Amino acid sequence: MRRWAAATVPGLDADYETAQFVDHHRAEGRRRSNWPAEWQKWLRRSAKYASERQTRQAPGRPGPTAAARPSTTDQRVLAAREAGRRVQAKLDALKQEQHA
């Protein structure tokens, strides 16, 4: 498993991540059918998160601020409002046809 970690996620502290993994699953009381695969997934995810943090914190590369990113809720609300406008426009057109 150490060889796998060194080859797959170099630079990641496998001992630290393993301790985190064990503590997390013990605290949650979880059981898995394939612990080695679960551990590998944990390490790959940790490496991904570390890479994303490093990218966001890279000097000269300011990350997007919360104000610059529209929230998914805002996006859903806007999409729903637009859908409502389209439906209302169709209803208005039908009413005009009936009265004409």
C-alpha atoms as a PDB file:
ATOM      1  CA  MET A   1       0.000   0.000   0.000  1.00  0.00           C
ATOM      2  CA  ARG A   2       2.931   2.346   0.692  1.00  0.00           C
ATOM      3  CA  ARG A   3       4.363   1.606  -2.756  1.00  0.00           C
ATOM      4  CA  TRP A   4       0.979   2.296  -4.312  1.00  0.00           C
ATOM      5  CA  ALA A   5       0.708   5.609  -2.427  1.00  0.00           C
ATOM      6  CA  ALA A   6       4.246   6.674  -3.366  1.00  0.00           C
ATOM      7  CA  ALA A   7       3.632   5.850  -7.037  1.00  0.00           C
ATOM      8  CA  THR A   8       0.083   7.191  -7.309  1.00  0.00           C
ATOM      9  CA  VAL A   9       0.005  10.234  -5.022  1.00  0.00           C
ATOM     10  CA  PRO A  10       3.627  11.343  -4.574  1.00  0.00           C
ATOM     11  CA  GLY A  11       4.135  14.176  -2.146  1.00  0.00           C
ATOM     12  CA  LEU A  12       1.122  13.223  -0.054  1.00  0.00           C
ATOM     13  CA  ASP A  13       1.840  12.236   3.548  1.00  0.00           C
ATOM     14  CA  ALA A  14       0.412   8.700   3.430  1.00  0.00           C
ATOM     15  CA  ASP A  15       0.918   8.123   7.181  1.00  0.00           C
ATOM     16  CA  TYR A  16      -1.026  11.252   8.086  1.00  0.00           C
ATOM     17  CA  GLU A  17      -3.789  10.508   5.566  1.00  0.00           C
ATOM     18  CA  THR A  18      -4.041   6.915   6.787  1.00  0.00           C
ATOM     19  CA  ALA A  19      -4.466   8.125  10.379  1.00  0.00           C
ATOM     20  CA  GLN A  20      -7.147  10.567   9.201  1.00  0.00           C
ATOM     21  CA  PHE A  21      -8.851   7.772   7.256  1.00  0.00           C
ATOM     22  CA  VAL A  22      -8.871   5.392  10.221  1.00  0.00           C
ATOM     23  CA  ASP A  23     -10.054   8.057  12.675  1.00  0.00           C
ATOM     24  CA  HIS A  24     -12.827   9.175  10.342  1.00  0.00           C
ATOM     25  CA  HIS A  25     -14.231   5.702   9.742  1.00  0.00           C
ATOM     26  CA  ARG A  26     -13.902   4.645  13.377  1.00  0.00           C
ATOM     27  CA  ALA A  27     -15.714   7.784  14.509  1.00  0.00           C
ATOM     28  CA  GLU A  28     -18.483   7.138  11.990  1.00  0.00           C
ATOM     29  CA  GLY A  29     -18.631   3.414  12.809  1.00  0.00           C
ATOM     30  CA  ARG A  30     -18.568   2.562   9.154  1.00  0.00           C
ATOM     31  CA  ARG A  31     -17.954  -0.809   7.591  1.00  0.00           C
ATOM     32  CA  ARG A  32     -16.773  -1.387   4.057  1.00  0.00           C
ATOM     33  CA  SER A  33     -16.466  -4.515   1.969  1.00  0.00           C
ATOM     34  CA  ASN A  34     -13.133  -3.425   0.482  1.00  0.00           C
ATOM     35  CA  TRP A  35     -11.054  -1.320   2.882  1.00  0.00           C
ATOM     36  CA  PRO A  36      -7.955  -1.122   0.642  1.00  0.00           C
ATOM     37  CA  ALA A  37     -10.032   0.316  -2.224  1.00  0.00           C
ATOM     38  CA  GLU A  38     -11.693   2.749   0.182  1.00  0.00           C
ATOM     39  CA  TRP A  39      -8.258   3.842   1.451  1.00  0.00           C
ATOM     40  CA  GLN A  40      -6.989   4.350  -2.111  1.00  0.00           C
ATOM     41  CA  LYS A  41     -10.036   6.468  -2.895  1.00  0.00           C
ATOM     42  CA  TRP A  42      -9.359   8.532   0.259  1.00  0.00           C
ATOM     43  CA  LEU A  43      -5.755   9.171  -0.757  1.00  0.00           C
ATOM     44  CA  ARG A  44      -6.659  10.084  -4.342  1.00  0.00           C
ATOM     45  CA  ARG A  45      -9.306  12.499  -3.077  1.00  0.00           C
ATOM     46  CA  SER A  46      -6.882  14.034  -0.569  1.00  0.00           C
ATOM     47  CA  ALA A  47      -4.341  14.569  -3.344  1.00  0.00           C
ATOM     48  CA  LYS A  48      -7.021  16.201  -5.492  1.00  0.00           C
ATOM     49  CA  TYR A  49      -8.072  18.538  -2.673  1.00  0.00           C
ATOM     50  CA  ALA A  50      -4.440  19.440  -1.947  1.00  0.00           C
ATOM     51  CA  SER A  51      -3.904  20.252  -5.617  1.00  0.00           C
ATOM     52  CA  GLU A  52      -7.044  22.411  -5.712  1.00  0.00           C
ATOM     53  CA  ARG A  53      -5.959  24.301  -2.581  1.00  0.00           C
ATOM     54  CA  GLN A  54      -2.525  24.882  -4.054  1.00  0.00           C
ATOM     55  CA  THR A  55      -4.029  26.179  -7.299  1.00  0.00           C
ATOM     56  CA  ARG A  56      -6.337  28.574  -5.433  1.00  0.00           C
ATOM     57  CA  GLN A  57      -3.479  29.864  -3.271  1.00  0.00           C
ATOM     58  CA  ALA A  58      -0.854  30.162  -5.993  1.00  0.00           C
ATOM     59  CA  PRO A  59       0.886  33.561  -5.876  1.00  0.00           C
ATOM     60  CA  GLY A  60      -0.223  35.860  -8.650  1.00  0.00           C
ATOM     61  CA  ARG A  61      -3.318  33.783  -9.286  1.00  0.00           C
ATOM     62  CA  PRO A  62      -6.111  35.120  -7.149  1.00  0.00           C
ATOM     63  CA  GLY A  63      -8.938  32.639  -6.840  1.00  0.00           C
ATOM     64  CA  PRO A  64     -12.506  33.606  -7.559  1.00  0.00           C
ATOM     65  CA  THR A  65     -14.249  35.346  -4.719  1.00  0.00           C
ATOM     66  CA  ALA A  66     -17.656  34.317  -3.465  1.00  0.00           C
ATOM     67  CA  ALA A  67     -19.122  37.479  -4.995  1.00  0.00           C
ATOM     68  CA  ALA A  68     -17.658  36.613  -8.415  1.00  0.00           C
ATOM     69  CA  ARG A  69     -19.238  33.150  -8.449  1.00  0.00           C
ATOM     70  CA  PRO A  70     -23.006  32.944  -8.782  1.00  0.00           C
ATOM     71  CA  SER A  71     -24.443  30.415  -6.397  1.00  0.00           C
ATOM     72  CA  THR A  72     -26.190  27.360  -7.783  1.00  0.00           C
ATOM     73  CA  THR A  73     -29.313  28.475  -5.934  1.00  0.00           C
ATOM     74  CA  ASP A  74     -29.219  31.814  -7.761  1.00  0.00           C
ATOM     75  CA  GLN A  75     -28.782  29.984 -11.044  1.00  0.00           C
ATOM     76  CA  ARG A  76     -31.751  27.708 -10.315  1.00  0.00           C
ATOM     77  CA  VAL A  77     -33.940  30.655  -9.312  1.00  0.00           C
ATOM     78  CA  LEU A  78     -33.069  32.517 -12.508  1.00  0.00           C
ATOM     79  CA  ALA A  79     -33.789  29.420 -14.606  1.00  0.00           C
ATOM     80  CA  ALA A  80     -37.149  28.910 -12.860  1.00  0.00           C
ATOM     81  CA  ARG A  81     -38.110  32.562 -13.376  1.00  0.00           C
ATOM     82  CA  GLU A  82     -37.229  32.344 -17.061  1.00  0.00           C
ATOM     83  CA  ALA A  83     -39.278  29.145 -17.410  1.00  0.00           C
ATOM     84  CA  GLY A  84     -42.189  30.932 -15.722  1.00  0.00           C
ATOM     85  CA  ARG A  85     -41.892  33.839 -18.164  1.00  0.00           C
ATOM     86  CA  ARG A  86     -41.998  31.444 -21.110  1.00  0.00           C
ATOM     87  CA  VAL A  87     -45.089  29.667 -19.749  1.00  0.00           C
ATOM     88  CA  GLN A  88     -46.805  33.007 -19.053  1.00  0.00           C
ATOM     89  CA  ALA A  89     -46.035  34.189 -22.595  1.00  0.00           C
ATOM     90  CA  LYS A  90     -47.647  31.022 -24.010  1.00  0.00           C
ATOM     91  CA  LEU A  91     -50.724  31.478 -21.815  1.00  0.00           C
ATOM     92  CA  ASP A  92     -51.032  35.119 -22.866  1.00  0.00           C
ATOM     93  CA  ALA A  93     -50.804  34.117 -26.526  1.00  0.00           C
ATOM     94  CA  LEU A  94     -53.538  31.482 -26.049  1.00  0.00           C
ATOM     95  CA  LYS A  95     -55.810  34.024 -24.338  1.00  0.00           C
ATOM     96  CA  GLN A  96     -55.342  36.484 -27.214  1.00  0.00           C
ATOM     97  CA  GLU A  97     -56.199  33.755 -29.732  1.00  0.00           C
ATOM     98  CA  GLN A  98     -59.386  32.880 -27.813  1.00  0.00           C
ATOM     99  CA  HIS A  99     -60.502  36.519 -27.677  1.00  0.00           C
ATOM    100  CA  ALA A 100     -59.685  37.231 -31.298  1.00  0.00           C
END
